[in-house]
Amino acid sequence: SDNTTAVAGNNPITFNALAEGTYSNCKISVTDNTSNTSDNLSVSSFTIDITTPTLSSVTIASNNSDNTTLAKTDDVITLSFTSASAEAIKTPSVSIAGHAVDASSGDNITWSAVYPMASTDTDNVSVSLNIGFEDLAGNPGIAVTSTTNGSAVLFDRTLPTLNEITPVSTPTADNASSYTFSSDEAGTITYGGSCS
């Protein structure tokens, strides 16, 4: 410190610029005008951290039973992320599909957040994400809005629409009758009712 004069009472000290790292065994003493020197006062260990934190892994997935890159209404989206260099970060601010959600972590390094898609969410778009974060020293990271592995989830809340094209003729002598319908989306056909 450039401060070399002590007064009777409180004496604030500003250290000169220090490099990143952990500092310990720092001591301060005062010598009075008659050359009496105090005991050394130990300064508590402290760490200088001026590096911007980053996230090393960001992934998103749906619990959709057919495809984790797709989601329908009520499917749950999970956003997972990890801070780089195993550096702990404060509780981040997270949004999924534009909704603020809570993030949880067991070690402040690996985090996850979830959101169940709602019928009011924007249809036929990739689910958006936003992660705002800072490290324990208060250094802010650059907000993250995309995944690190290219993962994405497309939300589709619209039910397919079916239309009859060619009905089964009545009566018919064909025991393998044909029927034609149109669908505005591709998918898997399920048969139901009393037609068996």
C-alpha atoms as a PDB file:
ATOM      1  CA  SER A   1       0.000   0.000   0.000  1.00  0.00           C
ATOM      2  CA  ASP A   2       1.074   3.599  -0.556  1.00  0.00           C
ATOM      3  CA  ASN A   3      -0.453   4.508   2.810  1.00  0.00           C
ATOM      4  CA  THR A   4       2.399   4.693   5.334  1.00  0.00           C
ATOM      5  CA  THR A   5       0.899   6.972   7.971  1.00  0.00           C
ATOM      6  CA  ALA A   6      -1.298   5.740  10.814  1.00  0.00           C
ATOM      7  CA  VAL A   7      -3.584   7.800  13.010  1.00  0.00           C
ATOM      8  CA  ALA A   8      -5.031   6.953  16.375  1.00  0.00           C
ATOM      9  CA  GLY A   9      -8.287   5.153  15.555  1.00  0.00           C
ATOM     10  CA  ASN A  10      -9.425   3.372  12.402  1.00  0.00           C
ATOM     11  CA  ASN A  11      -6.988   3.256   9.476  1.00  0.00           C
ATOM     12  CA  PRO A  12      -8.356   2.100   6.117  1.00  0.00           C
ATOM     13  CA  ILE A  13      -5.697   0.600   3.845  1.00  0.00           C
ATOM     14  CA  THR A  14      -5.975   0.232   0.068  1.00  0.00           C
ATOM     15  CA  PHE A  15      -3.573  -2.317  -1.356  1.00  0.00           C
ATOM     16  CA  ASN A  16      -1.696  -1.585  -4.541  1.00  0.00           C
ATOM     17  CA  ALA A  17      -2.910  -3.511  -7.612  1.00  0.00           C
ATOM     18  CA  LEU A  18      -2.353  -7.226  -7.121  1.00  0.00           C
ATOM     19  CA  ALA A  19      -2.228 -10.054  -9.622  1.00  0.00           C
ATOM     20  CA  GLU A  20      -4.877 -12.774  -9.515  1.00  0.00           C
ATOM     21  CA  GLY A  21      -4.302 -15.309  -6.817  1.00  0.00           C
ATOM     22  CA  THR A  22      -4.779 -16.099  -3.146  1.00  0.00           C
ATOM     23  CA  TYR A  23      -2.863 -14.014  -0.632  1.00  0.00           C
ATOM     24  CA  SER A  24      -2.062 -15.047   2.916  1.00  0.00           C
ATOM     25  CA  ASN A  25       0.519 -14.228   5.594  1.00  0.00           C
ATOM     26  CA  CYS A  26       0.062 -10.488   5.005  1.00  0.00           C
ATOM     27  CA  LYS A  27       0.929  -8.528   8.146  1.00  0.00           C
ATOM     28  CA  ILE A  28       0.726  -4.891   9.274  1.00  0.00           C
ATOM     29  CA  SER A  29       2.534  -3.171  12.126  1.00  0.00           C
ATOM     30  CA  VAL A  30       2.738   0.420  13.351  1.00  0.00           C
ATOM     31  CA  THR A  31       5.769   2.157  14.807  1.00  0.00           C
ATOM     32  CA  ASP A  32       4.927   5.204  16.947  1.00  0.00           C
ATOM     33  CA  ASN A  33       6.895   8.445  17.234  1.00  0.00           C
ATOM     34  CA  THR A  34       9.106   7.012  19.994  1.00  0.00           C
ATOM     35  CA  SER A  35      10.014   3.947  17.898  1.00  0.00           C
ATOM     36  CA  ASN A  36       7.738   1.513  19.739  1.00  0.00           C
ATOM     37  CA  THR A  37       6.578  -1.121  17.229  1.00  0.00           C
ATOM     38  CA  SER A  38       3.293  -2.960  17.589  1.00  0.00           C
ATOM     39  CA  ASP A  39       2.782  -6.674  17.246  1.00  0.00           C
ATOM     40  CA  ASN A  40       2.137  -7.789  13.674  1.00  0.00           C
ATOM     41  CA  LEU A  41      -1.550  -7.755  12.773  1.00  0.00           C
ATOM     42  CA  SER A  42      -2.366 -10.633  10.413  1.00  0.00           C
ATOM     43  CA  VAL A  43      -4.596  -9.787   7.462  1.00  0.00           C
ATOM     44  CA  SER A  44      -7.124 -12.525   6.733  1.00  0.00           C
ATOM     45  CA  SER A  45      -6.363 -14.588   3.635  1.00  0.00           C
ATOM     46  CA  PHE A  46      -8.071 -13.219   0.500  1.00  0.00           C
ATOM     47  CA  THR A  47      -8.327 -14.034  -3.197  1.00  0.00           C
ATOM     48  CA  ILE A  48      -8.115 -11.668  -6.159  1.00  0.00           C
ATOM     49  CA  ASP A  49     -10.294 -12.788  -9.080  1.00  0.00           C
ATOM     50  CA  ILE A  50     -10.756 -10.501 -12.094  1.00  0.00           C
ATOM     51  CA  THR A  51     -11.400 -13.150 -14.768  1.00  0.00           C
ATOM     52  CA  THR A  52     -14.758 -13.189 -16.559  1.00  0.00           C
ATOM     53  CA  PRO A  53     -16.472 -16.525 -15.875  1.00  0.00           C
ATOM     54  CA  THR A  54     -17.687 -18.721 -18.732  1.00  0.00           C
ATOM     55  CA  LEU A  55     -19.832 -21.816 -19.156  1.00  0.00           C
ATOM     56  CA  SER A  56     -18.110 -24.891 -20.571  1.00  0.00           C
ATOM     57  CA  SER A  57     -21.236 -26.941 -21.260  1.00  0.00           C
ATOM     58  CA  VAL A  58     -24.815 -25.896 -22.043  1.00  0.00           C
ATOM     59  CA  THR A  59     -27.395 -28.455 -23.223  1.00  0.00           C
ATOM     60  CA  ILE A  60     -31.167 -28.528 -23.622  1.00  0.00           C
ATOM     61  CA  ALA A  61     -33.521 -31.509 -23.992  1.00  0.00           C
ATOM     62  CA  SER A  62     -37.173 -32.485 -23.722  1.00  0.00           C
ATOM     63  CA  ASN A  63     -38.642 -35.461 -21.879  1.00  0.00           C
ATOM     64  CA  ASN A  64     -40.743 -36.250 -24.951  1.00  0.00           C
ATOM     65  CA  SER A  65     -41.000 -40.041 -25.061  1.00  0.00           C
ATOM     66  CA  ASP A  66     -40.437 -40.230 -28.829  1.00  0.00           C
ATOM     67  CA  ASN A  67     -37.787 -37.582 -29.448  1.00  0.00           C
ATOM     68  CA  THR A  68     -35.870 -35.396 -26.969  1.00  0.00           C
ATOM     69  CA  THR A  69     -35.413 -32.715 -29.637  1.00  0.00           C
ATOM     70  CA  LEU A  70     -39.196 -32.208 -29.861  1.00  0.00           C
ATOM     71  CA  ALA A  71     -41.738 -31.059 -27.302  1.00  0.00           C
ATOM     72  CA  LYS A  72     -45.498 -30.801 -27.084  1.00  0.00           C
ATOM     73  CA  THR A  73     -47.667 -29.152 -24.439  1.00  0.00           C
ATOM     74  CA  ASP A  74     -46.780 -30.408 -20.912  1.00  0.00           C
ATOM     75  CA  ASP A  75     -43.449 -31.911 -22.007  1.00  0.00           C
ATOM     76  CA  VAL A  76     -40.702 -30.782 -19.619  1.00  0.00           C
ATOM     77  CA  ILE A  77     -37.660 -28.959 -20.934  1.00  0.00           C
ATOM     78  CA  THR A  78     -34.400 -29.430 -19.002  1.00  0.00           C
ATOM     79  CA  LEU A  79     -31.579 -26.922 -19.392  1.00  0.00           C
ATOM     80  CA  SER A  80     -28.227 -28.147 -18.006  1.00  0.00           C
ATOM     81  CA  PHE A  81     -25.024 -26.120 -17.759  1.00  0.00           C
ATOM     82  CA  THR A  82     -21.594 -26.216 -16.128  1.00  0.00           C
ATOM     83  CA  SER A  83     -19.197 -23.389 -15.308  1.00  0.00           C
ATOM     84  CA  ALA A  84     -15.757 -23.561 -16.890  1.00  0.00           C
ATOM     85  CA  SER A  85     -12.677 -24.539 -14.879  1.00  0.00           C
ATOM     86  CA  ALA A  86     -14.952 -25.844 -12.107  1.00  0.00           C
ATOM     87  CA  GLU A  87     -15.406 -22.266 -10.879  1.00  0.00           C
ATOM     88  CA  ALA A  88     -18.363 -21.775  -8.553  1.00  0.00           C
ATOM     89  CA  ILE A  89     -20.916 -19.192  -9.651  1.00  0.00           C
ATOM     90  CA  LYS A  90     -23.715 -17.418  -7.836  1.00  0.00           C
ATOM     91  CA  THR A  91     -27.299 -18.545  -8.437  1.00  0.00           C
ATOM     92  CA  PRO A  92     -27.873 -17.613 -12.084  1.00  0.00           C
ATOM     93  CA  SER A  93     -30.921 -15.969 -13.624  1.00  0.00           C
ATOM     94  CA  VAL A  94     -32.394 -18.409 -16.144  1.00  0.00           C
ATOM     95  CA  SER A  95     -35.249 -18.289 -18.616  1.00  0.00           C
ATOM     96  CA  ILE A  96     -36.627 -21.074 -20.796  1.00  0.00           C
ATOM     97  CA  ALA A  97     -39.089 -20.243 -23.588  1.00  0.00           C
ATOM     98  CA  GLY A  98     -39.132 -16.685 -22.227  1.00  0.00           C
ATOM     99  CA  HIS A  99     -40.176 -17.740 -18.713  1.00  0.00           C
ATOM    100  CA  ALA A 100     -38.010 -17.079 -15.660  1.00  0.00           C
ATOM    101  CA  VAL A 101     -37.243 -20.370 -13.892  1.00  0.00           C
ATOM    102  CA  ASP A 102     -35.221 -21.378 -10.847  1.00  0.00           C
ATOM    103  CA  ALA A 103     -31.874 -23.090 -11.331  1.00  0.00           C
ATOM    104  CA  SER A 104     -30.565 -25.648  -8.845  1.00  0.00           C
ATOM    105  CA  SER A 105     -27.106 -26.995  -8.084  1.00  0.00           C
ATOM    106  CA  GLY A 106     -25.401 -29.196  -5.535  1.00  0.00           C
ATOM    107  CA  ASP A 107     -21.986 -27.573  -5.902  1.00  0.00           C
ATOM    108  CA  ASN A 108     -22.568 -24.171  -7.592  1.00  0.00           C
ATOM    109  CA  ILE A 109     -20.676 -25.523 -10.605  1.00  0.00           C
ATOM    110  CA  THR A 110     -23.145 -27.867 -12.347  1.00  0.00           C
ATOM    111  CA  TRP A 111     -26.674 -26.460 -12.688  1.00  0.00           C
ATOM    112  CA  SER A 112     -30.047 -27.443 -14.105  1.00  0.00           C
ATOM    113  CA  ALA A 113     -33.392 -25.741 -14.672  1.00  0.00           C
ATOM    114  CA  VAL A 114     -36.704 -27.115 -15.920  1.00  0.00           C
ATOM    115  CA  TYR A 115     -39.863 -25.742 -17.523  1.00  0.00           C
ATOM    116  CA  PRO A 116     -43.069 -27.581 -18.588  1.00  0.00           C
ATOM    117  CA  MET A 117     -44.194 -26.277 -21.976  1.00  0.00           C
ATOM    118  CA  ALA A 118     -47.625 -24.632 -21.929  1.00  0.00           C
ATOM    119  CA  SER A 119     -50.356 -24.330 -24.538  1.00  0.00           C
ATOM    120  CA  THR A 120     -49.770 -20.559 -24.542  1.00  0.00           C
ATOM    121  CA  ASP A 121     -46.098 -20.827 -25.553  1.00  0.00           C
ATOM    122  CA  THR A 122     -45.170 -19.820 -29.088  1.00  0.00           C
ATOM    123  CA  ASP A 123     -45.835 -22.661 -31.499  1.00  0.00           C
ATOM    124  CA  ASN A 124     -43.435 -24.211 -33.981  1.00  0.00           C
ATOM    125  CA  VAL A 125     -40.251 -22.501 -32.775  1.00  0.00           C
ATOM    126  CA  SER A 126     -37.072 -23.655 -31.070  1.00  0.00           C
ATOM    127  CA  VAL A 127     -37.327 -23.255 -27.301  1.00  0.00           C
ATOM    128  CA  SER A 128     -35.298 -20.198 -26.306  1.00  0.00           C
ATOM    129  CA  LEU A 129     -32.881 -20.074 -23.386  1.00  0.00           C
ATOM    130  CA  ASN A 130     -31.040 -17.355 -21.514  1.00  0.00           C
ATOM    131  CA  ILE A 131     -28.523 -17.731 -18.687  1.00  0.00           C
ATOM    132  CA  GLY A 132     -27.221 -14.717 -16.792  1.00  0.00           C
ATOM    133  CA  PHE A 133     -24.458 -15.454 -14.289  1.00  0.00           C
ATOM    134  CA  GLU A 134     -21.510 -14.137 -12.292  1.00  0.00           C
ATOM    135  CA  ASP A 135     -18.777 -15.716 -10.212  1.00  0.00           C
ATOM    136  CA  LEU A 136     -18.458 -15.470  -6.444  1.00  0.00           C
ATOM    137  CA  ALA A 137     -16.231 -12.401  -6.780  1.00  0.00           C
ATOM    138  CA  GLY A 138     -18.980 -10.615  -8.724  1.00  0.00           C
ATOM    139  CA  ASN A 139     -17.354 -10.801 -12.164  1.00  0.00           C
ATOM    140  CA  PRO A 140     -20.259 -10.991 -14.649  1.00  0.00           C
ATOM    141  CA  GLY A 141     -20.236 -13.570 -17.421  1.00  0.00           C
ATOM    142  CA  ILE A 142     -21.598 -12.874 -20.898  1.00  0.00           C
ATOM    143  CA  ALA A 143     -25.234 -14.007 -21.012  1.00  0.00           C
ATOM    144  CA  VAL A 144     -25.604 -17.342 -22.811  1.00  0.00           C
ATOM    145  CA  THR A 145     -28.451 -17.845 -25.310  1.00  0.00           C
ATOM    146  CA  SER A 146     -27.371 -21.006 -27.144  1.00  0.00           C
ATOM    147  CA  THR A 147     -26.096 -24.476 -26.360  1.00  0.00           C
ATOM    148  CA  THR A 148     -22.489 -25.600 -26.651  1.00  0.00           C
ATOM    149  CA  ASN A 149     -23.279 -28.894 -28.409  1.00  0.00           C
ATOM    150  CA  GLY A 150     -25.884 -27.691 -30.908  1.00  0.00           C
ATOM    151  CA  SER A 151     -28.782 -29.272 -28.999  1.00  0.00           C
ATOM    152  CA  ALA A 152     -32.192 -27.656 -29.499  1.00  0.00           C
ATOM    153  CA  VAL A 153     -35.852 -28.441 -28.875  1.00  0.00           C
ATOM    154  CA  LEU A 154     -38.662 -27.620 -31.300  1.00  0.00           C
ATOM    155  CA  PHE A 155     -42.016 -26.905 -29.631  1.00  0.00           C
ATOM    156  CA  ASP A 156     -45.165 -28.075 -31.459  1.00  0.00           C
ATOM    157  CA  ARG A 157     -48.486 -27.583 -29.657  1.00  0.00           C
ATOM    158  CA  THR A 158     -50.754 -27.920 -32.702  1.00  0.00           C
ATOM    159  CA  LEU A 159     -52.708 -31.167 -33.100  1.00  0.00           C
ATOM    160  CA  PRO A 160     -52.596 -32.748 -36.580  1.00  0.00           C
ATOM    161  CA  THR A 161     -55.695 -32.177 -38.717  1.00  0.00           C
ATOM    162  CA  LEU A 162     -57.161 -35.152 -40.630  1.00  0.00           C
ATOM    163  CA  ASN A 163     -59.604 -35.075 -43.551  1.00  0.00           C
ATOM    164  CA  GLU A 164     -61.351 -37.896 -45.367  1.00  0.00           C
ATOM    165  CA  ILE A 165     -60.408 -38.130 -49.044  1.00  0.00           C
ATOM    166  CA  THR A 166     -61.872 -41.423 -50.295  1.00  0.00           C
ATOM    167  CA  PRO A 167     -64.386 -43.219 -48.024  1.00  0.00           C
ATOM    168  CA  VAL A 168     -65.010 -46.965 -48.020  1.00  0.00           C
ATOM    169  CA  SER A 169     -67.913 -47.576 -50.371  1.00  0.00           C
ATOM    170  CA  THR A 170     -71.118 -48.900 -48.850  1.00  0.00           C
ATOM    171  CA  PRO A 171     -72.049 -51.630 -49.399  1.00  0.00           C
ATOM    172  CA  THR A 172     -68.877 -53.333 -50.533  1.00  0.00           C
ATOM    173  CA  ALA A 173     -67.933 -56.881 -51.470  1.00  0.00           C
ATOM    174  CA  ASP A 174     -64.248 -56.184 -50.929  1.00  0.00           C
ATOM    175  CA  ASN A 175     -62.957 -57.635 -47.651  1.00  0.00           C
ATOM    176  CA  ALA A 176     -59.752 -55.554 -48.000  1.00  0.00           C
ATOM    177  CA  SER A 177     -61.456 -52.208 -48.489  1.00  0.00           C
ATOM    178  CA  SER A 178     -59.308 -49.136 -49.041  1.00  0.00           C
ATOM    179  CA  TYR A 179     -59.670 -45.738 -47.432  1.00  0.00           C
ATOM    180  CA  THR A 180     -57.805 -42.510 -48.073  1.00  0.00           C
ATOM    181  CA  PHE A 181     -57.321 -39.571 -45.740  1.00  0.00           C
ATOM    182  CA  SER A 182     -55.050 -36.561 -45.616  1.00  0.00           C
ATOM    183  CA  SER A 183     -53.030 -35.226 -42.698  1.00  0.00           C
ATOM    184  CA  ASP A 184     -51.399 -31.811 -42.462  1.00  0.00           C
ATOM    185  CA  GLU A 185     -48.469 -33.390 -40.549  1.00  0.00           C
ATOM    186  CA  ALA A 186     -46.398 -36.547 -40.836  1.00  0.00           C
ATOM    187  CA  GLY A 187     -46.650 -39.008 -37.945  1.00  0.00           C
ATOM    188  CA  THR A 188     -47.658 -42.482 -36.798  1.00  0.00           C
ATOM    189  CA  ILE A 189     -51.119 -43.901 -37.506  1.00  0.00           C
ATOM    190  CA  THR A 190     -53.071 -45.356 -34.578  1.00  0.00           C
ATOM    191  CA  TYR A 191     -56.247 -47.384 -35.172  1.00  0.00           C
ATOM    192  CA  GLY A 192     -59.100 -47.202 -32.708  1.00  0.00           C
ATOM    193  CA  GLY A 193     -62.823 -47.447 -32.280  1.00  0.00           C
ATOM    194  CA  SER A 194     -64.675 -50.638 -33.106  1.00  0.00           C
ATOM    195  CA  CYS A 195     -62.852 -51.225 -36.378  1.00  0.00           C
ATOM    196  CA  SER A 196     -60.790 -54.322 -35.703  1.00  0.00           C
END
